[in-house]
Amino acid sequence: MSQKKHRLYEGMFIISASLTDAARQKAVDRITEGVTGFGGEIIKMHDMGRKRLAYSIDSNKGDGRRYRDGHYLLVYFNAEPSAIEKLWQEYRHHEDLLRFITLSAESVMEELVFKSIGEE
């Protein structure tokens, strides 16, 4: 009997800032349900709020819209490595998700603290 090994991952998601609070929560639920649907477990979520993007992003709907702001979400989760590709396929079809990246993580950041440029 083989035991499946879960690994720790961190996912950064940029959700459309033009969504209502209810629609944004539905988008977040779709992300988390994707993880749990493939046998993963959500460990910690950091809602980083609305932020200006470094550059504008074209809409993935083909409607010519460009986004200058996004709602950032950092999610730590455990999952099997084989689930990551399936999650990526699902995320590519998520119309409210502007960008995403999933990286393997060594530990969970309990608190996010950002320093200004020039601080030591």
PDB file of N, CA and C in Angstrom:
ATOM      1  N   MET A   1       0.850  -1.169   0.000  1.00  0.00           N
ATOM      2  CA  MET A   1       0.000   0.000   0.000  1.00  0.00           C
ATOM      3  C   MET A   1       0.895   1.231   0.000  1.00  0.00           C
ATOM      4  N   SER A   2       0.715   2.124  -0.974  1.00  0.00           N
ATOM      5  CA  SER A   2       1.554   3.318  -1.046  1.00  0.00           C
ATOM      6  C   SER A   2       0.842   4.491  -0.390  1.00  0.00           C
ATOM      7  N   GLN A   3       1.635   5.260   0.335  1.00  0.00           N
ATOM      8  CA  GLN A   3       1.090   6.437   0.998  1.00  0.00           C
ATOM      9  C   GLN A   3       1.452   7.655   0.164  1.00  0.00           C
ATOM     10  N   LYS A   4       0.494   8.516  -0.108  1.00  0.00           N
ATOM     11  CA  LYS A   4       0.739   9.696  -0.916  1.00  0.00           C
ATOM     12  C   LYS A   4       1.333  10.786  -0.046  1.00  0.00           C
ATOM     13  N   LYS A   5       2.379  11.425  -0.557  1.00  0.00           N
ATOM     14  CA  LYS A   5       3.095  12.426   0.215  1.00  0.00           C
ATOM     15  C   LYS A   5       2.617  13.831  -0.160  1.00  0.00           C
ATOM     16  N   HIS A   6       2.166  14.552   0.836  1.00  0.00           N
ATOM     17  CA  HIS A   6       1.783  15.944   0.642  1.00  0.00           C
ATOM     18  C   HIS A   6       2.987  16.833   0.878  1.00  0.00           C
ATOM     19  N   ARG A   7       3.049  17.914   0.127  1.00  0.00           N
ATOM     20  CA  ARG A   7       4.094  18.913   0.288  1.00  0.00           C
ATOM     21  C   ARG A   7       3.447  20.253   0.576  1.00  0.00           C
ATOM     22  N   LEU A   8       4.235  21.137   1.172  1.00  0.00           N
ATOM     23  CA  LEU A   8       3.762  22.483   1.473  1.00  0.00           C
ATOM     24  C   LEU A   8       4.002  23.385   0.272  1.00  0.00           C
ATOM     25  N   TYR A   9       2.974  24.122  -0.115  1.00  0.00           N
ATOM     26  CA  TYR A   9       3.043  25.065  -1.230  1.00  0.00           C
ATOM     27  C   TYR A   9       2.518  26.418  -0.785  1.00  0.00           C
ATOM     28  N   GLU A  10       2.972  27.454  -1.498  1.00  0.00           N
ATOM     29  CA  GLU A  10       2.359  28.768  -1.344  1.00  0.00           C
ATOM     30  C   GLU A  10       1.887  29.215  -2.717  1.00  0.00           C
ATOM     31  N   GLY A  11       0.683  29.709  -2.742  1.00  0.00           N
ATOM     32  CA  GLY A  11       0.109  30.189  -3.988  1.00  0.00           C
ATOM     33  C   GLY A  11      -0.210  31.664  -3.861  1.00  0.00           C
ATOM     34  N   MET A  12       0.221  32.445  -4.833  1.00  0.00           N
ATOM     35  CA  MET A  12      -0.114  33.869  -4.884  1.00  0.00           C
ATOM     36  C   MET A  12      -1.124  34.040  -6.005  1.00  0.00           C
ATOM     37  N   PHE A  13      -2.234  34.661  -5.674  1.00  0.00           N
ATOM     38  CA  PHE A  13      -3.319  34.839  -6.626  1.00  0.00           C
ATOM     39  C   PHE A  13      -3.657  36.318  -6.732  1.00  0.00           C
ATOM     40  N   ILE A  14      -3.859  36.785  -7.958  1.00  0.00           N
ATOM     41  CA  ILE A  14      -4.325  38.152  -8.187  1.00  0.00           C
ATOM     42  C   ILE A  14      -5.712  38.036  -8.802  1.00  0.00           C
ATOM     43  N   ILE A  15      -6.680  38.505  -8.038  1.00  0.00           N
ATOM     44  CA  ILE A  15      -8.088  38.432  -8.437  1.00  0.00           C
ATOM     45  C   ILE A  15      -8.504  39.809  -8.941  1.00  0.00           C
ATOM     46  N   SER A  16      -9.410  39.843  -9.885  1.00  0.00           N
ATOM     47  CA  SER A  16      -9.896  41.106 -10.436  1.00  0.00           C
ATOM     48  C   SER A  16     -10.390  42.025  -9.317  1.00  0.00           C
ATOM     49  N   ALA A  17      -9.903  43.261  -9.307  1.00  0.00           N
ATOM     50  CA  ALA A  17     -10.305  44.229  -8.291  1.00  0.00           C
ATOM     51  C   ALA A  17     -11.669  44.843  -8.591  1.00  0.00           C
ATOM     52  N   SER A  18     -12.195  44.574  -9.776  1.00  0.00           N
ATOM     53  CA  SER A  18     -13.493  45.146 -10.138  1.00  0.00           C
ATOM     54  C   SER A  18     -14.676  44.341  -9.598  1.00  0.00           C
ATOM     55  N   LEU A  19     -14.401  43.240  -8.906  1.00  0.00           N
ATOM     56  CA  LEU A  19     -15.473  42.397  -8.371  1.00  0.00           C
ATOM     57  C   LEU A  19     -16.092  43.002  -7.112  1.00  0.00           C
ATOM     58  N   THR A  20     -17.342  42.688  -6.885  1.00  0.00           N
ATOM     59  CA  THR A  20     -17.974  43.052  -5.615  1.00  0.00           C
ATOM     60  C   THR A  20     -17.387  42.162  -4.524  1.00  0.00           C
ATOM     61  N   ASP A  21     -17.628  42.509  -3.273  1.00  0.00           N
ATOM     62  CA  ASP A  21     -17.124  41.692  -2.169  1.00  0.00           C
ATOM     63  C   ASP A  21     -17.653  40.262  -2.251  1.00  0.00           C
ATOM     64  N   ALA A  22     -18.933  40.116  -2.591  1.00  0.00           N
ATOM     65  CA  ALA A  22     -19.529  38.777  -2.687  1.00  0.00           C
ATOM     66  C   ALA A  22     -18.913  37.977  -3.831  1.00  0.00           C
ATOM     67  N   ALA A  23     -18.690  38.628  -4.969  1.00  0.00           N
ATOM     68  CA  ALA A  23     -18.094  37.936  -6.111  1.00  0.00           C
ATOM     69  C   ALA A  23     -16.632  37.579  -5.829  1.00  0.00           C
ATOM     70  N   ARG A  24     -15.922  38.469  -5.130  1.00  0.00           N
ATOM     71  CA  ARG A  24     -14.530  38.173  -4.776  1.00  0.00           C
ATOM     72  C   ARG A  24     -14.472  36.981  -3.824  1.00  0.00           C
ATOM     73  N   GLN A  25     -15.392  36.921  -2.842  1.00  0.00           N
ATOM     74  CA  GLN A  25     -15.429  35.781  -1.919  1.00  0.00           C
ATOM     75  C   GLN A  25     -15.721  34.489  -2.666  1.00  0.00           C
ATOM     76  N   LYS A  26     -16.582  34.575  -3.674  1.00  0.00           N
ATOM     77  CA  LYS A  26     -16.888  33.397  -4.490  1.00  0.00           C
ATOM     78  C   LYS A  26     -15.637  32.938  -5.257  1.00  0.00           C
ATOM     79  N   ALA A  27     -14.837  33.892  -5.746  1.00  0.00           N
ATOM     80  CA  ALA A  27     -13.593  33.563  -6.446  1.00  0.00           C
ATOM     81  C   ALA A  27     -12.592  32.914  -5.491  1.00  0.00           C
ATOM     82  N   VAL A  28     -12.500  33.439  -4.261  1.00  0.00           N
ATOM     83  CA  VAL A  28     -11.608  32.860  -3.247  1.00  0.00           C
ATOM     84  C   VAL A  28     -12.077  31.447  -2.904  1.00  0.00           C
ATOM     85  N   ASP A  29     -13.371  31.272  -2.752  1.00  0.00           N
ATOM     86  CA  ASP A  29     -13.917  29.941  -2.455  1.00  0.00           C
ATOM     87  C   ASP A  29     -13.590  28.955  -3.574  1.00  0.00           C
ATOM     88  N   ARG A  30     -13.650  29.419  -4.797  1.00  0.00           N
ATOM     89  CA  ARG A  30     -13.337  28.539  -5.931  1.00  0.00           C
ATOM     90  C   ARG A  30     -11.873  28.103  -5.889  1.00  0.00           C
ATOM     91  N   ILE A  31     -10.979  29.009  -5.483  1.00  0.00           N
ATOM     92  CA  ILE A  31      -9.554  28.678  -5.356  1.00  0.00           C
ATOM     93  C   ILE A  31      -9.352  27.640  -4.248  1.00  0.00           C
ATOM     94  N   THR A  32      -9.926  27.902  -3.075  1.00  0.00           N
ATOM     95  CA  THR A  32      -9.725  26.991  -1.940  1.00  0.00           C
ATOM     96  C   THR A  32     -10.411  25.640  -2.160  1.00  0.00           C
ATOM     97  N   GLU A  33     -11.577  25.650  -2.787  1.00  0.00           N
ATOM     98  CA  GLU A  33     -12.267  24.395  -3.078  1.00  0.00           C
ATOM     99  C   GLU A  33     -11.495  23.567  -4.101  1.00  0.00           C
ATOM    100  N   GLY A  34     -10.752  24.238  -4.985  1.00  0.00           N
ATOM    101  CA  GLY A  34      -9.896  23.519  -5.919  1.00  0.00           C
ATOM    102  C   GLY A  34      -8.820  22.747  -5.179  1.00  0.00           C
ATOM    103  N   VAL A  35      -8.200  23.394  -4.196  1.00  0.00           N
ATOM    104  CA  VAL A  35      -7.151  22.734  -3.410  1.00  0.00           C
ATOM    105  C   VAL A  35      -7.729  21.546  -2.649  1.00  0.00           C
ATOM    106  N   THR A  36      -8.809  21.766  -1.922  1.00  0.00           N
ATOM    107  CA  THR A  36      -9.384  20.686  -1.124  1.00  0.00           C
ATOM    108  C   THR A  36     -10.007  19.609  -2.005  1.00  0.00           C
ATOM    109  N   GLY A  37     -10.491  19.987  -3.168  1.00  0.00           N
ATOM    110  CA  GLY A  37     -11.081  19.021  -4.091  1.00  0.00           C
ATOM    111  C   GLY A  37     -10.080  18.012  -4.625  1.00  0.00           C
ATOM    112  N   PHE A  38      -8.814  18.404  -4.681  1.00  0.00           N
ATOM    113  CA  PHE A  38      -7.761  17.489  -5.124  1.00  0.00           C
ATOM    114  C   PHE A  38      -7.013  16.886  -3.949  1.00  0.00           C
ATOM    115  N   GLY A  39      -7.645  16.862  -2.774  1.00  0.00           N
ATOM    116  CA  GLY A  39      -7.072  16.195  -1.609  1.00  0.00           C
ATOM    117  C   GLY A  39      -6.124  17.039  -0.791  1.00  0.00           C
ATOM    118  N   GLY A  40      -6.050  18.334  -1.069  1.00  0.00           N
ATOM    119  CA  GLY A  40      -5.163  19.219  -0.323  1.00  0.00           C
ATOM    120  C   GLY A  40      -5.825  19.791   0.912  1.00  0.00           C
ATOM    121  N   GLU A  41      -5.054  20.553   1.664  1.00  0.00           N
ATOM    122  CA  GLU A  41      -5.537  21.170   2.894  1.00  0.00           C
ATOM    123  C   GLU A  41      -5.021  22.604   2.960  1.00  0.00           C
ATOM    124  N   ILE A  42      -5.929  23.546   3.181  1.00  0.00           N
ATOM    125  CA  ILE A  42      -5.545  24.949   3.339  1.00  0.00           C
ATOM    126  C   ILE A  42      -4.947  25.119   4.739  1.00  0.00           C
ATOM    127  N   ILE A  43      -3.737  25.682   4.806  1.00  0.00           N
ATOM    128  CA  ILE A  43      -3.054  25.894   6.075  1.00  0.00           C
ATOM    129  C   ILE A  43      -3.263  27.323   6.574  1.00  0.00           C
ATOM    130  N   LYS A  44      -3.041  28.302   5.711  1.00  0.00           N
ATOM    131  CA  LYS A  44      -3.152  29.711   6.115  1.00  0.00           C
ATOM    132  C   LYS A  44      -3.418  30.550   4.878  1.00  0.00           C
ATOM    133  N   MET A  45      -4.232  31.591   5.062  1.00  0.00           N
ATOM    134  CA  MET A  45      -4.507  32.537   3.980  1.00  0.00           C
ATOM    135  C   MET A  45      -4.210  33.942   4.466  1.00  0.00           C
ATOM    136  N   HIS A  46      -3.538  34.706   3.603  1.00  0.00           N
ATOM    137  CA  HIS A  46      -3.276  36.123   3.861  1.00  0.00           C
ATOM    138  C   HIS A  46      -3.990  36.917   2.771  1.00  0.00           C
ATOM    139  N   ASP A  47      -5.010  37.653   3.159  1.00  0.00           N
ATOM    140  CA  ASP A  47      -5.696  38.540   2.220  1.00  0.00           C
ATOM    141  C   ASP A  47      -4.933  39.859   2.246  1.00  0.00           C
ATOM    142  N   MET A  48      -4.222  40.150   1.169  1.00  0.00           N
ATOM    143  CA  MET A  48      -3.360  41.321   1.121  1.00  0.00           C
ATOM    144  C   MET A  48      -4.078  42.551   0.575  1.00  0.00           C
ATOM    145  N   GLY A  49      -5.306  42.384   0.144  1.00  0.00           N
ATOM    146  CA  GLY A  49      -6.110  43.513  -0.298  1.00  0.00           C
ATOM    147  C   GLY A  49      -5.805  43.976  -1.710  1.00  0.00           C
ATOM    148  N   ARG A  50      -6.399  45.092  -2.032  1.00  0.00           N
ATOM    149  CA  ARG A  50      -6.280  45.680  -3.366  1.00  0.00           C
ATOM    150  C   ARG A  50      -4.964  46.439  -3.483  1.00  0.00           C
ATOM    151  N   LYS A  51      -4.269  46.198  -4.583  1.00  0.00           N
ATOM    152  CA  LYS A  51      -2.989  46.860  -4.822  1.00  0.00           C
ATOM    153  C   LYS A  51      -2.868  47.217  -6.303  1.00  0.00           C
ATOM    154  N   ARG A  52      -2.088  48.247  -6.557  1.00  0.00           N
ATOM    155  CA  ARG A  52      -1.796  48.650  -7.934  1.00  0.00           C
ATOM    156  C   ARG A  52      -0.826  47.629  -8.534  1.00  0.00           C
ATOM    157  N   LEU A  53      -1.109  47.189  -9.764  1.00  0.00           N
ATOM    158  CA  LEU A  53      -0.230  46.255 -10.452  1.00  0.00           C
ATOM    159  C   LEU A  53       0.990  46.996 -10.994  1.00  0.00           C
ATOM    160  N   ALA A  54       2.099  46.318 -11.129  1.00  0.00           N
ATOM    161  CA  ALA A  54       3.318  46.921 -11.671  1.00  0.00           C
ATOM    162  C   ALA A  54       3.127  47.296 -13.143  1.00  0.00           C
ATOM    163  N   TYR A  55       2.269  46.574 -13.839  1.00  0.00           N
ATOM    164  CA  TYR A  55       1.956  46.847 -15.236  1.00  0.00           C
ATOM    165  C   TYR A  55       0.523  46.390 -15.480  1.00  0.00           C
ATOM    166  N   SER A  56      -0.107  46.912 -16.506  1.00  0.00           N
ATOM    167  CA  SER A  56      -1.492  46.528 -16.776  1.00  0.00           C
ATOM    168  C   SER A  56      -1.529  45.114 -17.351  1.00  0.00           C
ATOM    169  N   ILE A  57      -2.619  44.423 -17.052  1.00  0.00           N
ATOM    170  CA  ILE A  57      -2.830  43.045 -17.499  1.00  0.00           C
ATOM    171  C   ILE A  57      -4.065  43.014 -18.383  1.00  0.00           C
ATOM    172  N   ASP A  58      -3.943  42.384 -19.544  1.00  0.00           N
ATOM    173  CA  ASP A  58      -5.085  42.240 -20.445  1.00  0.00           C
ATOM    174  C   ASP A  58      -6.069  41.229 -19.883  1.00  0.00           C
ATOM    175  N   SER A  59      -7.340  41.462 -20.143  1.00  0.00           N
ATOM    176  CA  SER A  59      -8.387  40.534 -19.733  1.00  0.00           C
ATOM    177  C   SER A  59      -8.201  39.200 -20.442  1.00  0.00           C
ATOM    178  N   ASN A  60      -8.486  38.113 -19.728  1.00  0.00           N
ATOM    179  CA  ASN A  60      -8.400  36.794 -20.364  1.00  0.00           C
ATOM    180  C   ASN A  60      -9.726  36.414 -21.024  1.00  0.00           C
ATOM    181  N   LYS A  61     -10.678  37.342 -21.027  1.00  0.00           N
ATOM    182  CA  LYS A  61     -11.972  37.083 -21.654  1.00  0.00           C
ATOM    183  C   LYS A  61     -11.990  37.510 -23.123  1.00  0.00           C
ATOM    184  N   GLY A  62     -10.935  38.186 -23.575  1.00  0.00           N
ATOM    185  CA  GLY A  62     -10.887  38.649 -24.956  1.00  0.00           C
ATOM    186  C   GLY A  62     -11.789  39.845 -25.216  1.00  0.00           C
ATOM    187  N   ASP A  63     -12.132  40.596 -24.166  1.00  0.00           N
ATOM    188  CA  ASP A  63     -13.034  41.734 -24.328  1.00  0.00           C
ATOM    189  C   ASP A  63     -12.294  43.073 -24.426  1.00  0.00           C
ATOM    190  N   GLY A  64     -10.969  43.029 -24.498  1.00  0.00           N
ATOM    191  CA  GLY A  64     -10.191  44.252 -24.653  1.00  0.00           C
ATOM    192  C   GLY A  64      -9.932  45.025 -23.364  1.00  0.00           C
ATOM    193  N   ARG A  65     -10.450  44.548 -22.245  1.00  0.00           N
ATOM    194  CA  ARG A  65     -10.235  45.258 -20.975  1.00  0.00           C
ATOM    195  C   ARG A  65      -8.802  45.082 -20.505  1.00  0.00           C
ATOM    196  N   ARG A  66      -8.326  46.091 -19.795  1.00  0.00           N
ATOM    197  CA  ARG A  66      -6.996  46.044 -19.184  1.00  0.00           C
ATOM    198  C   ARG A  66      -7.167  46.359 -17.710  1.00  0.00           C
ATOM    199  N   TYR A  67      -6.453  45.620 -16.876  1.00  0.00           N
ATOM    200  CA  TYR A  67      -6.546  45.790 -15.428  1.00  0.00           C
ATOM    201  C   TYR A  67      -5.300  46.488 -14.903  1.00  0.00           C
ATOM    202  N   ARG A  68      -5.491  47.491 -14.055  1.00  0.00           N
ATOM    203  CA  ARG A  68      -4.386  48.203 -13.410  1.00  0.00           C
ATOM    204  C   ARG A  68      -4.304  47.879 -11.924  1.00  0.00           C
ATOM    205  N   ASP A  69      -5.372  47.318 -11.358  1.00  0.00           N
ATOM    206  CA  ASP A  69      -5.412  46.961  -9.940  1.00  0.00           C
ATOM    207  C   ASP A  69      -5.809  45.504  -9.806  1.00  0.00           C
ATOM    208  N   GLY A  70      -5.385  44.894  -8.701  1.00  0.00           N
ATOM    209  CA  GLY A  70      -5.757  43.525  -8.422  1.00  0.00           C
ATOM    210  C   GLY A  70      -5.896  43.317  -6.929  1.00  0.00           C
ATOM    211  N   HIS A  71      -6.633  42.306  -6.553  1.00  0.00           N
ATOM    212  CA  HIS A  71      -6.796  41.929  -5.151  1.00  0.00           C
ATOM    213  C   HIS A  71      -5.890  40.722  -4.915  1.00  0.00           C
ATOM    214  N   TYR A  72      -4.906  40.902  -4.028  1.00  0.00           N
ATOM    215  CA  TYR A  72      -3.879  39.881  -3.804  1.00  0.00           C
ATOM    216  C   TYR A  72      -4.259  38.942  -2.664  1.00  0.00           C
ATOM    217  N   LEU A  73      -3.999  37.657  -2.879  1.00  0.00           N
ATOM    218  CA  LEU A  73      -4.280  36.621  -1.893  1.00  0.00           C
ATOM    219  C   LEU A  73      -3.107  35.642  -1.875  1.00  0.00           C
ATOM    220  N   LEU A  74      -2.533  35.399  -0.691  1.00  0.00           N
ATOM    221  CA  LEU A  74      -1.454  34.434  -0.519  1.00  0.00           C
ATOM    222  C   LEU A  74      -2.007  33.268   0.283  1.00  0.00           C
ATOM    223  N   VAL A  75      -1.891  32.058  -0.270  1.00  0.00           N
ATOM    224  CA  VAL A  75      -2.470  30.874   0.360  1.00  0.00           C
ATOM    225  C   VAL A  75      -1.373  29.826   0.561  1.00  0.00           C
ATOM    226  N   TYR A  76      -1.251  29.332   1.792  1.00  0.00           N
ATOM    227  CA  TYR A  76      -0.367  28.207   2.094  1.00  0.00           C
ATOM    228  C   TYR A  76      -1.234  26.957   2.173  1.00  0.00           C
ATOM    229  N   PHE A  77      -0.792  25.900   1.490  1.00  0.00           N
ATOM    230  CA  PHE A  77      -1.583  24.677   1.496  1.00  0.00           C
ATOM    231  C   PHE A  77      -0.692  23.455   1.318  1.00  0.00           C
ATOM    232  N   ASN A  78      -1.184  22.329   1.795  1.00  0.00           N
ATOM    233  CA  ASN A  78      -0.549  21.027   1.588  1.00  0.00           C
ATOM    234  C   ASN A  78      -1.287  20.332   0.458  1.00  0.00           C
ATOM    235  N   ALA A  79      -0.531  19.692  -0.427  1.00  0.00           N
ATOM    236  CA  ALA A  79      -1.141  18.936  -1.524  1.00  0.00           C
ATOM    237  C   ALA A  79      -0.117  17.957  -2.079  1.00  0.00           C
ATOM    238  N   GLU A  80      -0.615  16.999  -2.819  1.00  0.00           N
ATOM    239  CA  GLU A  80       0.265  16.085  -3.534  1.00  0.00           C
ATOM    240  C   GLU A  80       0.858  16.838  -4.721  1.00  0.00           C
ATOM    241  N   PRO A  81       2.101  16.557  -5.055  1.00  0.00           N
ATOM    242  CA  PRO A  81       2.700  17.222  -6.212  1.00  0.00           C
ATOM    243  C   PRO A  81       1.898  17.035  -7.500  1.00  0.00           C
ATOM    244  N   SER A  82       1.270  15.882  -7.656  1.00  0.00           N
ATOM    245  CA  SER A  82       0.492  15.625  -8.873  1.00  0.00           C
ATOM    246  C   SER A  82      -0.749  16.510  -8.971  1.00  0.00           C
ATOM    247  N   ALA A  83      -1.200  17.067  -7.857  1.00  0.00           N
ATOM    248  CA  ALA A  83      -2.393  17.915  -7.861  1.00  0.00           C
ATOM    249  C   ALA A  83      -2.111  19.312  -8.414  1.00  0.00           C
ATOM    250  N   ILE A  84      -0.847  19.737  -8.381  1.00  0.00           N
ATOM    251  CA  ILE A  84      -0.520  21.106  -8.783  1.00  0.00           C
ATOM    252  C   ILE A  84      -0.847  21.350 -10.253  1.00  0.00           C
ATOM    253  N   GLU A  85      -0.492  20.429 -11.129  1.00  0.00           N
ATOM    254  CA  GLU A  85      -0.795  20.602 -12.548  1.00  0.00           C
ATOM    255  C   GLU A  85      -2.301  20.657 -12.782  1.00  0.00           C
ATOM    256  N   LYS A  86      -3.059  19.857 -12.058  1.00  0.00           N
ATOM    257  CA  LYS A  86      -4.522  19.872 -12.182  1.00  0.00           C
ATOM    258  C   LYS A  86      -5.081  21.210 -11.705  1.00  0.00           C
ATOM    259  N   LEU A  87      -4.518  21.746 -10.623  1.00  0.00           N
ATOM    260  CA  LEU A  87      -4.949  23.055 -10.133  1.00  0.00           C
ATOM    261  C   LEU A  87      -4.656  24.140 -11.160  1.00  0.00           C
ATOM    262  N   TRP A  88      -3.469  24.100 -11.757  1.00  0.00           N
ATOM    263  CA  TRP A  88      -3.112  25.089 -12.771  1.00  0.00           C
ATOM    264  C   TRP A  88      -4.087  25.057 -13.932  1.00  0.00           C
ATOM    265  N   GLN A  89      -4.475  23.856 -14.363  1.00  0.00           N
ATOM    266  CA  GLN A  89      -5.435  23.746 -15.460  1.00  0.00           C
ATOM    267  C   GLN A  89      -6.762  24.396 -15.074  1.00  0.00           C
ATOM    268  N   GLU A  90      -7.176  24.172 -13.847  1.00  0.00           N
ATOM    269  CA  GLU A  90      -8.421  24.766 -13.373  1.00  0.00           C
ATOM    270  C   GLU A  90      -8.304  26.290 -13.261  1.00  0.00           C
ATOM    271  N   TYR A  91      -7.175  26.766 -12.755  1.00  0.00           N
ATOM    272  CA  TYR A  91      -6.981  28.211 -12.588  1.00  0.00           C
ATOM    273  C   TYR A  91      -6.958  28.941 -13.928  1.00  0.00           C
ATOM    274  N   ARG A  92      -6.452  28.304 -14.964  1.00  0.00           N
ATOM    275  CA  ARG A  92      -6.401  28.951 -16.281  1.00  0.00           C
ATOM    276  C   ARG A  92      -7.803  29.256 -16.815  1.00  0.00           C
ATOM    277  N   HIS A  93      -8.809  28.530 -16.339  1.00  0.00           N
ATOM    278  CA  HIS A  93     -10.192  28.738 -16.793  1.00  0.00           C
ATOM    279  C   HIS A  93     -10.998  29.610 -15.829  1.00  0.00           C
ATOM    280  N   HIS A  94     -10.349  30.129 -14.810  1.00  0.00           N
ATOM    281  CA  HIS A  94     -11.006  30.956 -13.796  1.00  0.00           C
ATOM    282  C   HIS A  94     -11.013  32.399 -14.301  1.00  0.00           C
ATOM    283  N   GLU A  95     -12.179  32.876 -14.753  1.00  0.00           N
ATOM    284  CA  GLU A  95     -12.260  34.169 -15.425  1.00  0.00           C
ATOM    285  C   GLU A  95     -11.945  35.365 -14.526  1.00  0.00           C
ATOM    286  N   ASP A  96     -12.074  35.225 -13.215  1.00  0.00           N
ATOM    287  CA  ASP A  96     -11.807  36.335 -12.304  1.00  0.00           C
ATOM    288  C   ASP A  96     -10.384  36.332 -11.764  1.00  0.00           C
ATOM    289  N   LEU A  97      -9.595  35.356 -12.139  1.00  0.00           N
ATOM    290  CA  LEU A  97      -8.223  35.222 -11.680  1.00  0.00           C
ATOM    291  C   LEU A  97      -7.300  35.806 -12.749  1.00  0.00           C
ATOM    292  N   LEU A  98      -6.660  36.947 -12.434  1.00  0.00           N
ATOM    293  CA  LEU A  98      -5.810  37.607 -13.419  1.00  0.00           C
ATOM    294  C   LEU A  98      -4.476  36.909 -13.587  1.00  0.00           C
ATOM    295  N   ARG A  99      -3.849  36.540 -12.466  1.00  0.00           N
ATOM    296  CA  ARG A  99      -2.563  35.845 -12.475  1.00  0.00           C
ATOM    297  C   ARG A  99      -2.464  34.945 -11.254  1.00  0.00           C
ATOM    298  N   PHE A 100      -1.615  33.918 -11.363  1.00  0.00           N
ATOM    299  CA  PHE A 100      -1.369  33.039 -10.217  1.00  0.00           C
ATOM    300  C   PHE A 100       0.008  32.426 -10.353  1.00  0.00           C
ATOM    301  N   ILE A 101       0.572  32.051  -9.237  1.00  0.00           N
ATOM    302  CA  ILE A 101       1.823  31.305  -9.209  1.00  0.00           C
ATOM    303  C   ILE A 101       1.788  30.404  -7.988  1.00  0.00           C
ATOM    304  N   THR A 102       2.305  29.203  -8.136  1.00  0.00           N
ATOM    305  CA  THR A 102       2.373  28.248  -7.034  1.00  0.00           C
ATOM    306  C   THR A 102       3.823  27.799  -6.897  1.00  0.00           C
ATOM    307  N   LEU A 103       4.360  27.939  -5.698  1.00  0.00           N
ATOM    308  CA  LEU A 103       5.744  27.552  -5.413  1.00  0.00           C
ATOM    309  C   LEU A 103       5.774  26.618  -4.226  1.00  0.00           C
ATOM    310  N   SER A 104       6.772  25.748  -4.180  1.00  0.00           N
ATOM    311  CA  SER A 104       6.910  24.929  -2.987  1.00  0.00           C
ATOM    312  C   SER A 104       7.468  25.825  -1.883  1.00  0.00           C
ATOM    313  N   ALA A 105       7.040  25.576  -0.656  1.00  0.00           N
ATOM    314  CA  ALA A 105       7.436  26.411   0.481  1.00  0.00           C
ATOM    315  C   ALA A 105       8.096  25.545   1.543  1.00  0.00           C
ATOM    316  N   GLU A 106       8.971  26.158   2.314  1.00  0.00           N
ATOM    317  CA  GLU A 106       9.624  25.450   3.415  1.00  0.00           C
ATOM    318  C   GLU A 106       8.883  25.647   4.722  1.00  0.00           C
ATOM    319  N   SER A 107       8.220  26.798   4.859  1.00  0.00           N
ATOM    320  CA  SER A 107       7.480  27.085   6.082  1.00  0.00           C
ATOM    321  C   SER A 107       6.355  28.063   5.771  1.00  0.00           C
ATOM    322  N   VAL A 108       5.444  28.180   6.719  1.00  0.00           N
ATOM    323  CA  VAL A 108       4.303  29.078   6.590  1.00  0.00           C
ATOM    324  C   VAL A 108       4.646  30.399   7.269  1.00  0.00           C
ATOM    325  N   MET A 109       4.456  31.482   6.550  1.00  0.00           N
ATOM    326  CA  MET A 109       4.646  32.806   7.156  1.00  0.00           C
ATOM    327  C   MET A 109       3.373  33.133   7.930  1.00  0.00           C
ATOM    328  N   GLU A 110       3.518  33.258   9.228  1.00  0.00           N
ATOM    329  CA  GLU A 110       2.351  33.549  10.069  1.00  0.00           C
ATOM    330  C   GLU A 110       1.897  34.996   9.927  1.00  0.00           C
ATOM    331  N   GLU A 111       2.851  35.883   9.610  1.00  0.00           N
ATOM    332  CA  GLU A 111       2.529  37.301   9.476  1.00  0.00           C
ATOM    333  C   GLU A 111       3.333  37.866   8.316  1.00  0.00           C
ATOM    334  N   LEU A 112       2.704  38.702   7.520  1.00  0.00           N
ATOM    335  CA  LEU A 112       3.402  39.352   6.422  1.00  0.00           C
ATOM    336  C   LEU A 112       3.811  40.749   6.860  1.00  0.00           C
ATOM    337  N   VAL A 113       5.100  41.033   6.786  1.00  0.00           N
ATOM    338  CA  VAL A 113       5.614  42.344   7.163  1.00  0.00           C
ATOM    339  C   VAL A 113       6.482  42.832   6.023  1.00  0.00           C
ATOM    340  N   PHE A 114       6.159  44.006   5.513  1.00  0.00           N
ATOM    341  CA  PHE A 114       6.912  44.582   4.411  1.00  0.00           C
ATOM    342  C   PHE A 114       7.650  45.811   4.897  1.00  0.00           C
ATOM    343  N   LYS A 115       8.889  45.927   4.478  1.00  0.00           N
ATOM    344  CA  LYS A 115       9.689  47.098   4.809  1.00  0.00           C
ATOM    345  C   LYS A 115       9.711  48.036   3.608  1.00  0.00           C
ATOM    346  N   SER A 116       9.796  49.320   3.878  1.00  0.00           N
ATOM    347  CA  SER A 116       9.927  50.292   2.798  1.00  0.00           C
ATOM    348  C   SER A 116      11.320  50.190   2.205  1.00  0.00           C
ATOM    349  N   ILE A 117      11.447  50.621   0.977  1.00  0.00           N
ATOM    350  CA  ILE A 117      12.757  50.635   0.338  1.00  0.00           C
ATOM    351  C   ILE A 117      13.676  51.527   1.158  1.00  0.00           C
ATOM    352  N   GLY A 118      14.871  51.044   1.446  1.00  0.00           N
ATOM    353  CA  GLY A 118      15.814  51.826   2.221  1.00  0.00           C
ATOM    354  C   GLY A 118      15.840  51.462   3.689  1.00  0.00           C
ATOM    355  N   GLU A 119      14.813  50.749   4.188  1.00  0.00           N
ATOM    356  CA  GLU A 119      14.820  50.317   5.582  1.00  0.00           C
ATOM    357  C   GLU A 119      15.761  49.136   5.732  1.00  0.00           C
ATOM    358  N   GLU A 120      16.378  49.041   6.875  1.00  0.00           N
ATOM    359  CA  GLU A 120      17.263  47.901   7.119  1.00  0.00           C
ATOM    360  C   GLU A 120      16.791  47.110   8.284  1.00  0.00           C
TER     361      GLU A 120
END
